[in-house]
Protein backbone atom coordinates (compact mmCIF):
# COMPACT_ATOMS: atom_id res chain seq x y z
CA MET A 1 111.13 44.41 113.84
CA ILE A 2 110.73 47.62 112.48
CA LYS A 3 109.17 50.46 114.21
CA VAL A 4 106.20 52.27 113.25
CA LEU A 5 104.41 55.32 114.83
CA ILE A 6 100.67 55.58 113.93
CA THR A 7 98.19 58.35 114.24
CA ASN A 8 94.99 59.60 112.58
CA ASP A 9 92.79 62.72 112.50
CA ASP A 10 89.42 61.19 113.70
CA GLY A 11 90.57 60.21 117.18
CA ILE A 12 92.26 57.51 119.29
CA ASP A 13 89.00 55.55 119.60
CA SER A 14 88.39 55.61 115.87
CA LYS A 15 87.89 52.10 114.37
CA GLY A 16 90.22 52.85 111.43
CA LEU A 17 93.16 53.37 113.71
CA LYS A 18 92.25 50.29 115.50
CA ALA A 19 92.32 48.28 112.41
CA LEU A 20 95.36 49.85 111.37
CA ALA A 21 97.43 48.86 114.48
CA GLU A 22 96.04 45.35 114.44
CA ALA A 23 97.13 44.98 110.83
CA LEU A 24 100.61 46.48 111.69
CA LYS A 25 101.28 44.14 114.61
CA PRO A 26 102.64 41.25 112.80
CA LEU A 27 104.92 43.43 110.77
CA ALA A 28 106.25 45.94 113.02
CA ASP A 29 106.54 47.35 116.80
CA VAL A 30 103.73 49.76 116.78
CA TYR A 31 103.45 52.76 118.70
CA VAL A 32 100.33 54.66 119.00
CA VAL A 33 100.21 58.53 119.48
CA ALA A 34 96.70 60.12 118.11
CA PRO A 35 94.31 62.69 119.26
CA ALA A 36 92.12 62.45 122.15
CA GLU A 37 89.16 64.07 120.11
CA GLU A 38 88.31 64.15 116.33
CA GLN A 39 90.47 66.62 114.71
CA SER A 40 89.58 66.47 110.85
CA GLY A 41 90.37 69.57 108.93
CA LYS A 42 92.91 70.82 111.13
CA SER A 43 95.51 70.31 108.49
CA GLN A 44 99.09 70.95 109.79
CA SER A 45 98.11 73.66 112.75
CA ILE A 46 100.09 72.88 115.92
CA THR A 47 99.72 73.62 119.66
CA PHE A 48 102.19 76.73 120.03
CA LEU A 49 103.21 78.02 123.43
CA HIS A 50 100.56 76.26 125.36
CA PRO A 51 100.83 73.02 127.61
CA LEU A 52 99.44 69.87 125.54
CA ARG A 53 98.01 67.31 127.96
CA VAL A 54 99.04 63.44 127.18
CA GLU A 55 97.63 60.61 128.56
CA LYS A 56 98.78 56.91 128.54
CA ARG A 57 96.43 54.45 127.09
CA ASP A 58 95.91 50.76 127.13
CA MET A 59 95.89 49.03 123.46
CA LYS A 60 96.10 45.51 123.20
CA GLY A 61 99.29 44.35 121.35
CA VAL A 62 100.82 47.60 120.94
CA ALA A 63 104.00 48.72 122.14
CA ALA A 64 102.73 52.23 123.55
CA ALA A 65 99.93 54.05 123.22
CA TYR A 66 99.22 57.90 124.06
CA ALA A 67 96.27 60.17 123.61
CA ALA A 68 97.10 63.81 122.86
CA HIS A 69 94.78 66.58 123.52
CA GLY A 70 96.17 68.31 120.35
CA THR A 71 96.14 68.34 116.81
CA PRO A 72 97.59 65.29 114.33
CA ALA A 73 100.57 67.44 113.79
CA ASP A 74 101.23 67.67 117.36
CA CYS A 75 100.52 63.89 117.91
CA ILE A 76 103.67 63.19 115.42
CA LYS A 77 105.99 65.85 117.33
CA VAL A 78 105.04 64.69 120.82
CA GLY A 79 105.32 61.02 119.70
CA LEU A 80 108.81 61.34 118.40
CA CYS A 81 109.66 63.03 121.55
CA ILE A 82 108.28 60.64 123.87
CA LEU A 83 110.27 57.72 121.77
CA GLU A 84 113.35 59.55 121.51
CA ARG A 85 113.52 59.55 125.40
CA GLU A 86 113.57 55.76 124.94
CA GLY A 87 116.15 55.80 122.34
CA ILE A 88 113.68 54.85 119.61
CA ARG A 89 113.34 56.39 116.25
CA PRO A 90 110.36 55.01 113.86
CA ASP A 91 110.99 53.52 110.46
CA TYR A 92 107.76 54.85 109.31
CA VAL A 93 104.94 57.16 110.19
CA VAL A 94 101.42 55.70 109.03
CA SER A 95 98.45 58.06 109.47
CA GLY A 96 94.86 56.56 109.31
CA ILE A 97 92.79 54.84 108.34
CA ASN A 98 90.75 58.26 107.73
CA LEU A 99 87.15 57.65 107.43
CA GLY A 100 86.44 59.65 104.12
CA TYR A 101 88.73 60.32 101.06
CA ASN A 102 91.70 62.64 101.14
CA THR A 103 91.58 63.13 97.56
CA GLY A 104 92.22 66.28 95.31
CA LEU A 105 91.96 69.68 97.51
CA ALA A 106 91.24 67.85 100.60
CA VAL A 107 95.10 67.26 100.67
CA TYR A 108 95.54 70.53 101.63
CA TYR A 109 93.01 70.63 104.75
CA SER A 110 93.46 66.80 105.78
CA GLY A 111 94.83 66.30 109.21
CA THR A 112 95.51 62.71 107.92
CA LEU A 113 97.86 63.83 105.45
CA ALA A 114 99.36 66.50 107.79
CA ALA A 115 100.47 64.13 110.15
CA ALA A 116 102.13 62.13 107.40
CA ARG A 117 103.73 65.52 106.37
CA GLU A 118 104.87 66.27 109.65
CA GLY A 119 106.73 62.52 109.90
CA ALA A 120 108.26 63.33 106.43
CA LEU A 121 109.38 66.78 107.60
CA ASN A 122 111.48 64.74 110.61
CA GLY A 123 112.94 62.81 107.86
CA ILE A 124 110.75 59.79 108.25
CA LYS A 125 109.21 57.67 105.57
CA SER A 126 105.10 58.43 105.75
CA ILE A 127 102.19 57.10 104.41
CA ALA A 128 98.61 58.21 104.60
CA LEU A 129 95.52 55.87 104.32
CA SER A 130 91.99 56.96 103.60
CA VAL A 131 88.70 54.97 102.93
CA GLY A 132 85.72 56.82 101.02
CA SER A 133 83.33 57.07 103.75
CA HIS A 134 82.59 58.48 107.00
CA ILE A 135 80.99 55.19 108.43
CA ALA A 136 83.58 53.09 106.67
CA LYS A 137 84.13 49.64 108.03
CA GLU A 138 85.71 47.89 104.67
CA PHE A 139 89.59 48.22 105.41
CA ASP A 140 90.82 44.82 104.46
CA TYR A 141 92.04 45.70 100.73
CA ILE A 142 93.96 48.64 102.00
CA LEU A 143 95.42 47.26 104.94
CA GLY A 144 96.53 44.43 102.77
CA MET A 145 98.57 46.83 100.79
CA LEU A 146 100.50 47.86 103.78
CA PRO A 147 104.03 46.04 102.89
CA MET A 148 103.64 47.13 99.19
CA LEU A 149 103.22 50.59 100.35
CA MET A 150 105.95 50.60 102.61
CA GLU A 151 108.16 49.48 99.71
CA MET A 152 106.81 52.74 97.87
CA ALA A 153 107.61 54.78 100.58
CA ASP A 154 111.20 53.32 100.74
CA LYS A 155 111.46 54.06 96.84
CA VAL A 156 110.60 57.92 97.28
CA GLY A 157 112.15 58.56 100.38
CA SER A 158 111.06 60.77 103.36
CA ASP A 159 110.60 63.83 101.17
CA VAL A 160 107.17 62.49 99.68
CA ILE A 161 104.40 60.95 101.46
CA ILE A 162 102.61 57.86 99.77
CA SER A 163 98.67 58.86 99.98
CA ALA A 164 96.46 55.83 99.40
CA ASN A 165 92.53 56.43 99.06
CA ALA A 166 90.34 53.15 98.54
CA PRO A 167 86.67 52.94 98.03
CA GLU A 168 84.25 51.79 100.68
CA VAL A 169 83.40 48.60 98.86
CA PRO A 170 84.06 44.87 100.03
CA ALA A 171 87.90 43.89 98.95
CA SER A 172 86.42 41.47 96.28
CA GLU A 173 85.07 44.48 94.55
CA ILE A 174 87.96 46.38 94.33
CA LYS A 175 89.68 46.18 90.97
CA GLY A 176 93.10 46.90 92.07
CA TYR A 177 95.34 50.23 92.38
CA LYS A 178 96.28 52.82 90.25
CA ILE A 179 99.29 55.38 90.86
CA VAL A 180 98.01 58.78 89.89
CA ASP A 181 98.44 62.35 90.50
CA THR A 182 96.08 64.35 92.89
CA ALA A 183 93.28 66.02 91.56
CA PRO A 184 94.11 70.09 90.92
CA ALA A 185 92.11 72.70 92.75
CA GLY A 186 89.05 73.13 91.22
CA TYR A 187 88.59 69.71 89.96
CA GLY A 188 85.73 67.56 91.19
CA LEU A 189 84.78 69.32 94.43
CA ASN A 190 85.27 72.84 96.13
CA PHE A 191 85.03 73.60 99.76
CA VAL A 192 82.82 76.48 100.42
CA PHE A 193 80.68 78.05 103.24
CA GLU A 194 76.90 78.27 102.74
CA GLU A 195 74.55 80.45 104.78
CA VAL A 196 72.44 78.22 107.19
CA GLY A 197 70.79 80.80 109.33
CA GLU A 198 71.06 84.25 110.50
CA GLU A 199 74.85 84.94 111.05
CA LEU A 200 75.45 81.28 110.55
CA TYR A 201 77.61 79.73 107.89
CA GLN A 202 78.70 76.05 107.52
CA MET A 203 81.30 74.62 105.38
CA THR A 204 80.17 72.08 102.43
CA GLY A 205 81.74 70.41 99.99
CA ARG A 206 80.21 71.50 96.34
CA PRO A 207 81.13 69.24 93.41
CA THR A 208 82.58 70.62 90.24
CA GLN A 209 83.08 69.13 86.68
CA GLY A 210 86.76 68.42 85.73
CA SER A 211 87.56 69.27 82.24
CA SER A 212 90.86 67.72 81.92
CA GLY A 213 91.48 64.44 80.14
CA ALA A 214 93.90 63.35 82.80
CA GLU A 215 93.08 60.61 85.17
CA TYR A 216 93.31 61.78 88.66
CA ASP A 217 93.00 60.19 92.24
CA MET A 218 89.25 61.27 92.47
CA ASP A 219 88.28 59.53 89.20
CA VAL A 220 90.08 56.15 89.98
CA VAL A 221 88.18 55.77 93.26
CA GLU A 222 85.10 56.06 91.46
CA ASP A 223 86.05 53.14 89.58
CA ASN A 224 86.59 50.91 92.18
CA TYR A 225 90.46 51.16 92.24
CA VAL A 226 92.54 52.32 95.19
CA ALA A 227 94.48 55.70 94.37
CA VAL A 228 98.10 55.91 95.14
CA SER A 229 99.61 59.56 94.90
CA PRO A 230 103.11 60.65 95.79
CA VAL A 231 102.41 64.17 97.67
CA PRO A 232 105.54 66.09 98.02
CA THR A 233 106.54 67.91 101.14
CA SER A 234 108.94 70.75 99.07
CA ILE A 235 107.91 74.30 99.78
CA SER A 236 109.41 76.17 96.92
CA ASP A 237 108.60 75.30 93.34
CA LYS A 238 112.07 74.87 91.70
CA ILE A 239 110.65 75.63 88.01
CA SER A 240 109.17 79.01 89.17
CA LEU A 241 112.13 79.68 90.85
CA ALA A 242 114.17 79.31 87.91
CA ARG A 243 111.84 81.31 85.78
CA LEU A 244 111.73 84.01 88.27
CA GLN A 245 115.81 84.08 88.27
CA GLY A 246 115.49 84.47 84.53
CA ALA A 247 117.84 80.82 84.01
CA TYR A 248 115.86 80.04 80.96
CA ALA A 249 115.04 83.25 79.45
CA LYS A 250 117.33 83.10 76.63
CA ASP A 251 117.17 79.41 75.68
CA GLU A 252 116.21 78.79 71.83
CA LEU A 253 116.03 74.94 72.03
CA LEU A 254 114.92 72.28 74.23
CA ALA A 255 116.54 68.36 74.09
CA VAL A 256 114.01 65.87 74.81
CA ILE A 257 115.10 62.21 75.67
CA VAL A 258 112.00 60.34 75.66
CA ASP A 259 111.88 57.09 78.00
CA ALA A 260 115.44 56.05 77.94
CA GLN A 261 115.08 53.41 80.55
CA ASP A 262 116.49 50.05 81.31
CA ASP A 263 113.55 48.15 80.82
CA VAL A 264 112.41 50.12 78.09
CA LEU A 265 115.46 49.07 75.85
CA ASP A 266 116.32 45.88 77.41
CA GLU A 267 115.39 43.70 74.20
CA ILE A 268 116.05 45.76 71.25
CA GLU A 269 118.59 45.02 68.73
CA GLY A 270 121.63 46.98 68.91
CA ARG A 271 121.02 48.76 72.19
CA GLU A 272 124.43 49.46 72.89
CA LYS A 273 124.94 51.43 69.91
CA LEU A 274 121.88 53.36 70.79
CA GLU A 275 122.64 53.97 74.26
CA LYS A 276 125.88 55.65 73.22
CA LYS A 277 124.10 57.94 70.68
CA LEU A 278 121.53 59.17 73.37
CA GLU A 279 124.73 59.48 75.68
CA ALA A 280 126.25 61.42 73.17
CA PHE A 281 123.22 63.74 72.48
CA ALA A 282 122.65 64.12 76.12
CA HIS A 283 126.24 65.18 76.82
CA ALA A 284 126.48 67.40 73.68
CA ALA A 285 123.27 69.16 74.96
CA ALA A 286 124.54 69.65 78.25
CA ARG A 287 127.87 70.88 76.82
CA MET A 288 125.92 73.65 74.72
CA ASP A 289 123.97 74.63 77.57
CA ILE A 290 120.52 73.23 75.93
CA PRO A 291 118.03 72.30 78.67
CA ILE A 292 117.30 68.95 78.94
CA LEU A 293 113.94 67.15 79.46
CA LEU A 294 113.81 63.47 80.39
CA THR A 295 110.63 61.60 80.21
CA LYS A 296 110.22 58.63 82.24
CA HIS A 297 107.59 55.97 82.23
CA TYR A 298 106.65 54.82 85.63
CA GLY A 299 107.71 51.20 86.34
CA LYS A 300 110.04 50.69 83.17
CA GLY A 301 113.25 51.01 84.93
CA GLU A 302 115.76 53.71 85.74
CA ILE A 303 117.10 56.24 83.12
CA LEU A 304 120.31 55.10 81.42
CA GLY A 305 123.31 55.97 83.88
CA GLY A 306 125.25 57.88 81.17
CA ILE A 307 121.94 60.12 80.66
CA ALA A 308 121.18 60.21 84.15
CA ASP A 309 124.74 61.65 85.27
CA VAL A 310 124.05 64.95 82.87
CA THR A 311 122.46 66.82 85.86
CA SER A 312 122.99 70.29 84.61
CA ARG A 313 120.02 71.87 83.57
CA CYS A 314 118.15 68.45 83.29
CA GLU A 315 114.52 67.97 84.34
CA THR A 316 112.45 64.77 84.42
CA ALA A 317 109.04 64.05 83.83
CA GLU A 318 107.50 61.03 84.94
CA HIS A 319 104.28 59.73 83.43
CA ILE A 320 102.03 56.76 83.87
CA LYS A 321 100.23 56.45 80.72
CA THR A 322 102.02 55.96 77.10
CA ASP A 323 101.83 59.72 76.31
CA PRO A 324 104.24 61.86 77.81
CA TRP A 325 101.96 64.89 77.86
CA THR A 326 99.60 63.37 80.58
CA ALA A 327 102.43 63.99 83.06
CA ALA A 328 102.17 67.39 84.84
CA ASP A 329 105.69 68.08 84.73
CA MET A 330 105.87 67.74 81.16
CA ARG A 331 103.75 70.84 80.97
CA SER A 332 105.26 72.79 83.63
CA HIS A 333 109.01 71.97 82.26
CA THR A 334 108.31 72.99 78.86
CA ALA A 335 106.39 76.12 79.99
CA LEU A 336 109.55 77.18 81.75
CA VAL A 337 111.44 77.03 78.31
CA GLU A 338 110.52 80.01 76.39
CA ALA A 339 112.03 78.47 73.13
CA LYS A 340 109.93 77.09 70.45
CA LYS A 341 112.22 74.48 69.09
CA VAL A 342 113.12 70.85 70.46
CA ILE A 343 115.21 67.99 69.24
CA ILE A 344 113.76 64.78 70.22
CA ALA A 345 115.72 61.28 70.82
CA GLY A 346 114.51 58.23 72.72
CA ALA A 347 112.11 55.18 72.74
CA GLU A 348 109.78 53.89 71.23
CA THR A 349 109.34 55.54 68.13
CA HIS A 350 105.75 54.47 67.28
CA LEU A 351 104.54 54.83 70.95
CA SER A 352 105.80 57.55 73.65
CA LEU A 353 108.34 59.25 71.42
CA MET A 354 105.94 59.63 68.64
CA ARG A 355 103.16 60.97 71.29
CA ALA A 356 105.66 63.52 72.72
CA ALA A 357 106.67 64.70 69.40
CA LEU A 358 103.08 65.12 67.87
CA GLY A 359 102.46 67.04 71.31
CA PHE A 360 105.22 69.40 70.68
CA LEU A 361 103.92 69.88 66.75
CA GLU A 362 100.34 70.35 68.31
CA ARG A 363 101.49 73.30 70.43
CA GLY A 364 103.35 75.14 67.66
CA TYR A 365 106.92 73.96 68.46
CA ASP A 366 109.64 73.42 65.50
CA VAL A 367 110.40 69.57 66.09
CA THR A 368 113.49 67.66 65.02
CA VAL A 369 113.54 64.06 65.54
CA LEU A 370 116.99 62.36 65.49
CA GLU A 371 116.30 59.25 63.44
CA ASP A 372 119.49 57.17 64.53
CA CYS A 373 118.62 58.19 68.24
CA THR A 374 115.41 56.42 68.19
CA THR A 375 113.98 52.80 68.31
CA SER A 376 110.88 50.50 68.09
CA PHE A 377 111.24 46.95 68.95
CA ASN A 378 109.86 46.14 65.57
CA LYS A 379 111.79 47.66 62.71
CA GLU A 380 108.63 48.12 60.45
CA GLU A 381 106.74 50.03 63.42
CA HIS A 382 109.82 52.45 63.58
CA LYS A 383 110.03 53.15 59.86
CA ASN A 384 106.38 53.87 59.54
CA ALA A 385 106.57 56.20 62.65
CA ILE A 386 109.10 58.21 61.27
CA ARG A 387 107.31 58.45 57.89
CA GLU A 388 104.41 59.60 60.14
CA LEU A 389 106.29 62.09 61.92
CA LYS A 390 107.88 63.25 58.80
CA ASN A 391 104.38 64.09 57.43
CA ALA A 392 103.09 65.76 60.45
CA GLY A 393 105.72 68.19 59.92
CA ALA A 394 108.77 67.02 61.97
CA GLU A 395 112.27 67.70 60.75
CA ILE A 396 113.94 64.16 60.54
CA ALA A 397 117.60 64.23 61.06
CA GLY A 398 121.00 62.35 62.18
CA LEU A 399 122.61 63.27 65.38
CA GLU A 400 125.96 64.40 64.23
CA ARG A 401 124.74 66.31 61.58
CA LYS A 402 122.32 68.15 63.70
CA MET A 403 124.42 68.69 66.63
CA MET A 404 127.32 69.88 64.19
CA GLU A 405 124.88 72.34 62.84
CA ILE A 406 124.05 73.78 66.30
CA ALA A 407 127.51 73.90 67.06
CA ASP A 408 128.54 75.94 64.18
CA THR A 409 126.76 78.81 66.02
CA LYS A 410 129.08 78.33 68.78
CA GLU A 411 132.20 79.51 70.01
CA LEU A 412 135.25 77.33 68.23
CA TYR A 413 136.20 75.68 71.46
CA VAL A 414 132.70 74.56 72.17
CA ARG A 415 132.31 73.24 68.42
CA GLU A 416 135.83 71.30 69.08
CA SER A 417 134.05 69.74 72.40
CA ILE A 418 131.10 68.57 70.46
CA GLU A 419 133.13 66.82 67.83
CA ARG A 420 135.05 65.01 70.43
CA ILE A 421 131.67 64.10 72.10
CA LEU A 422 130.32 63.07 69.02
CA LYS A 423 133.30 60.70 68.24
């Protein structure tokens, strides 16, 4: 049996925690360490340099249960300490079920998310669960998702939290789940203090109007979907770090490879030939120190190995919808590269690739599309897309001619290297 450490921020007597423990018992050995009192909004605060009282509790069917007089982050820290003495290391930390959404800006303040983050920081795959009401009692749907959420946690690893938010409606009324980005600060809700009396202020949530066309966690729960969001634990922002270090200051060109994934290319005619061209494009760009941006359509398989192996100056933007520009990473990575010229290859010509190319054109980039490095399942759709891109202002070129044109501006040994790659 796998071993799961569970906690929450509503307190050990919360019905959400009890429902979670009950649902996990057939799947795992369950250990509970939860706050003795309600600890909402405590984020990742810890009890430092003060004794922490921990009481053993009886909870039917679980391996062990403790109430800690501290924060949710304290509960994970002390829980890991107690279990380590018994030679036990949890396979997962699951935090919840929180009574009330932890979407958007609430991710920063939530004790539920903080407990999951504490697990992740200790190298344990972690999940946070929330249901959208402070008097919630509808837990069946999100509990039924537990095996799948564990598989997601396995896939992303311990440095990313899987956060799931479910509407407070009967399971029969939930339409399914969507994997979406967490709403950014200022979208949908802001937390502010309001004056409620003389020298008295009280925190409240004030609705705001979202202006983005993207679909966020706060949007999908309103439409009766469960929102599943990957929440990173990293502290430094690699893109900003590279910008400040000047790593990309002199770039004149960006290479973009759209959705070169196993499942995208699985049934196309001439796949092997296209793979070789895309790999040659990636390696030639890397050899000439051209930054590479890979777009990856969620659920469509892994990036082709020969391209994924090119790790030098290569970033990935994962998108859910067909348009790669809906990925926040797409905007971040392109903002990092100061060049205004892009070369695009990949799939499918009339879908994701076209939307990527048109997005660059709309943003004022000079765009070259490598016709022999693009494809659609339907040849006619491919031809129509190439024609439309040309009419929109994109240059249509072949791989060898375009890459050798760039190589002609480099040193002789680089040019010779590109010739060998393209052959």
